[in-house]
């Protein structure tokens, strides 16, 4: 079942509940619905996590956790997917977001320098933040929608497949008896 797949890679809920950075959520973080693995909570979590991973801002994990609460999404998956944009992947992902935003706004895109520096990143953020955030928003929404429906479809497929396998085993067992 997909539940086993997600459970294998999910962090320990008790460690997350005890996190100092999430203490401000108080009793909200102890809601058992935030830790369940079902089709709806996982699909929502995939959408939330991938959306916030695309948005260039500090404390993406915190925002994903806060949004997961009213959405009744699985919090560990929502927070964990934000790490899609980690320090290694962030430049490439955000540059792709920028290129999409530049294309959508019909502005000429800056080229990546041979040697990236903090000064270049700061200059780009000061002068070209509109295409970056537009592209991030568009790609975040597109990825969130795709993730939601793909997870939902995968879950349906897996349950049907498992059900058919169980039915086939029962038929074989009944015919052998």
Protein backbone atom coordinates (compact mmCIF):
# COMPACT_ATOMS: atom_id res chain seq x y z
CA UNK A 1 0.00 0.00 0.00
CA UNK A 2 1.27 3.54 -0.63
CA UNK A 3 1.02 4.12 3.10
CA UNK A 4 4.03 1.85 3.66
CA UNK A 5 6.04 3.72 1.05
CA UNK A 6 5.39 7.09 2.66
CA UNK A 7 5.80 5.76 6.20
CA UNK A 8 9.24 4.39 5.36
CA UNK A 9 10.60 7.84 4.53
CA UNK A 10 8.59 9.91 6.99
CA UNK A 11 10.40 11.40 9.98
CA UNK A 12 9.36 10.45 13.50
CA UNK A 13 6.26 12.51 14.46
CA UNK A 14 7.43 12.81 18.07
CA UNK A 15 10.65 14.51 16.96
CA UNK A 16 8.71 16.98 14.86
CA UNK A 17 6.18 17.66 17.62
CA UNK A 18 9.05 18.41 19.99
CA UNK A 19 10.76 20.81 17.59
CA UNK A 20 11.50 24.18 19.19
CA UNK A 21 10.68 26.05 15.98
CA UNK A 22 7.11 24.66 15.96
CA UNK A 23 6.28 25.24 19.64
CA UNK A 24 4.30 28.38 18.80
CA UNK A 25 1.66 26.11 17.20
CA UNK A 26 0.90 24.70 20.65
CA UNK A 27 -1.82 22.05 20.76
CA UNK A 28 -2.53 22.40 17.03
CA UNK A 29 0.55 20.34 16.21
CA UNK A 30 -0.76 17.45 18.32
CA UNK A 31 -3.84 16.98 16.13
CA UNK A 32 -3.68 13.32 15.03
CA UNK A 33 -5.10 14.22 11.60
CA UNK A 34 -1.81 15.95 10.76
CA UNK A 35 0.04 12.67 11.11
CA UNK A 36 -2.33 10.25 9.33
CA UNK A 37 -1.35 8.69 6.05
CA UNK A 38 -4.39 8.53 3.82
CA UNK A 39 -5.09 9.49 0.24
CA UNK A 40 -6.44 12.93 1.05
CA UNK A 41 -3.85 14.04 3.60
CA UNK A 42 -0.92 12.82 1.51
CA UNK A 43 -2.25 14.41 -1.71
CA UNK A 44 -2.71 17.74 0.07
CA UNK A 45 0.72 17.46 1.65
CA UNK A 46 2.36 16.82 -1.71
CA UNK A 47 0.70 19.92 -3.14
CA UNK A 48 1.59 22.14 -0.17
CA UNK A 49 5.18 20.95 0.07
CA UNK A 50 5.95 21.34 -3.62
CA UNK A 51 4.24 24.71 -3.85
CA UNK A 52 6.27 26.20 -0.99
CA UNK A 53 9.46 24.56 -2.26
CA UNK A 54 9.18 26.68 -5.40
CA UNK A 55 8.73 30.00 -3.55
CA UNK A 56 12.06 31.72 -2.80
CA UNK A 57 11.67 32.87 0.77
CA UNK A 58 13.19 32.18 4.16
CA UNK A 59 11.48 29.70 6.51
CA UNK A 60 9.65 27.73 3.83
CA UNK A 61 9.32 24.76 6.19
CA UNK A 62 7.56 26.87 8.78
CA UNK A 63 5.07 28.21 6.24
CA UNK A 64 4.42 24.70 4.90
CA UNK A 65 3.74 23.49 8.46
CA UNK A 66 1.36 26.36 9.18
CA UNK A 67 -0.54 25.84 5.90
CA UNK A 68 -0.77 22.07 6.51
CA UNK A 69 -2.82 22.62 9.68
CA UNK A 70 -6.00 24.17 8.21
CA UNK A 71 -5.62 22.08 5.04
CA UNK A 72 -5.56 18.91 7.19
CA UNK A 73 -2.53 17.72 5.24
CA UNK A 74 0.15 15.37 6.50
CA UNK A 75 2.61 17.71 8.16
CA UNK A 76 5.83 15.66 7.85
CA UNK A 77 5.34 15.24 4.11
CA UNK A 78 4.45 18.93 3.65
CA UNK A 79 7.53 20.03 5.54
CA UNK A 80 9.84 17.40 4.07
CA UNK A 81 9.03 18.23 0.45
CA UNK A 82 10.17 21.79 0.97
CA UNK A 83 13.69 20.37 1.02
CA UNK A 84 13.38 19.78 -2.72
CA UNK A 85 14.98 23.20 -2.89
CA UNK A 86 18.03 22.63 -0.73
CA UNK A 87 21.31 24.55 -0.99
CA UNK A 88 22.47 22.23 -3.78
CA UNK A 89 19.35 22.40 -5.97
CA UNK A 90 18.23 25.93 -5.12
CA UNK A 91 20.24 27.83 -7.75
CA UNK A 92 19.06 25.65 -10.62
CA UNK A 93 15.41 25.54 -9.48
CA UNK A 94 15.16 29.28 -8.85
CA UNK A 95 16.95 30.09 -12.11
CA UNK A 96 14.42 27.91 -13.94
CA UNK A 97 11.64 29.78 -12.10
CA UNK A 98 13.23 33.06 -13.15
CA UNK A 99 13.44 31.97 -16.80
CA UNK A 100 9.75 31.01 -16.79
CA UNK A 101 8.84 34.35 -15.21
CA UNK A 102 10.97 36.26 -17.73
CA UNK A 103 9.27 34.38 -20.56
CA UNK A 104 5.82 35.13 -19.13
CA UNK A 105 6.59 38.84 -18.72
CA UNK A 106 8.46 39.06 -22.05
CA UNK A 107 11.54 40.52 -20.41
CA UNK A 108 15.02 39.56 -21.54
CA UNK A 109 16.45 37.00 -19.12
CA UNK A 110 19.84 37.37 -17.51
CA UNK A 111 22.32 34.60 -18.19
CA UNK A 112 23.91 32.58 -15.39
CA UNK A 113 27.45 33.79 -14.68
CA UNK A 114 30.38 31.41 -14.90
CA UNK A 115 31.21 32.03 -11.25
CA UNK A 116 28.21 32.70 -9.09
CA UNK A 117 28.69 35.04 -6.14
CA UNK A 118 26.50 36.45 -3.42
CA UNK A 119 26.88 39.85 -5.05
CA UNK A 120 25.42 38.57 -8.32
CA UNK A 121 22.53 36.89 -6.49
CA UNK A 122 21.84 40.09 -4.52
CA UNK A 123 21.91 42.19 -7.71
CA UNK A 124 19.60 39.77 -9.49
CA UNK A 125 17.13 39.77 -6.60
CA UNK A 126 17.10 43.59 -6.49
CA UNK A 127 16.63 44.12 -10.20
CA UNK A 128 14.84 40.99 -11.44
CA UNK A 129 12.63 39.91 -8.55
CA UNK A 130 9.34 40.24 -10.47
CA UNK A 131 10.09 37.51 -13.06
CA UNK A 132 11.58 35.31 -10.33
CA UNK A 133 8.48 35.47 -8.13
CA UNK A 134 6.03 35.23 -11.03
CA UNK A 135 7.81 32.13 -12.36
CA UNK A 136 8.01 30.69 -8.86
CA UNK A 137 4.31 31.23 -8.29
CA UNK A 138 3.31 29.76 -11.66
CA UNK A 139 5.59 26.72 -11.35
CA UNK A 140 4.57 26.25 -7.72
CA UNK A 141 0.89 26.17 -8.65
CA UNK A 142 1.50 23.86 -11.62
CA UNK A 143 3.60 21.45 -9.54
CA UNK A 144 1.08 21.52 -6.69
CA UNK A 145 -1.82 20.65 -9.00
CA UNK A 146 0.15 17.90 -10.74
CA UNK A 147 1.36 16.48 -7.41
CA UNK A 148 -2.14 16.48 -5.92
CA UNK A 149 -3.77 14.67 -8.82
CA UNK A 150 -0.82 12.33 -9.48
CA UNK A 151 -0.69 11.25 -5.82
CA UNK A 152 -4.44 10.76 -5.78
CA UNK A 153 -4.32 8.71 -9.00
CA UNK A 154 -1.36 6.66 -7.76
CA UNK A 155 -3.17 5.90 -4.50
CA UNK A 156 -6.31 4.80 -6.39
CA UNK A 157 -4.27 2.64 -8.73
CA UNK A 158 -2.38 0.99 -5.85
CA UNK A 159 -5.55 0.22 -3.89
CA UNK A 160 -7.26 -1.28 -6.96
CA UNK A 161 -4.16 -3.32 -7.78
CA UNK A 162 -3.90 -4.62 -4.23
CA UNK A 163 -7.59 -5.46 -4.17
CA UNK A 164 -7.29 -7.40 -7.45
CA UNK A 165 -4.29 -9.32 -6.12
CA UNK A 166 -6.17 -10.26 -2.95
CA UNK A 167 -9.18 -11.37 -5.01
CA UNK A 168 -6.95 -13.49 -7.24
CA UNK A 169 -5.30 -15.12 -4.22
CA UNK A 170 -8.73 -15.92 -2.78
CA UNK A 171 -9.86 -17.43 -6.07
CA UNK A 172 -6.74 -19.58 -6.29
CA UNK A 173 -7.12 -20.68 -2.67
CA UNK A 174 -10.81 -21.50 -3.19
CA UNK A 175 -10.13 -23.50 -6.36
CA UNK A 176 -7.39 -25.53 -4.60
CA UNK A 177 -9.72 -26.50 -1.76
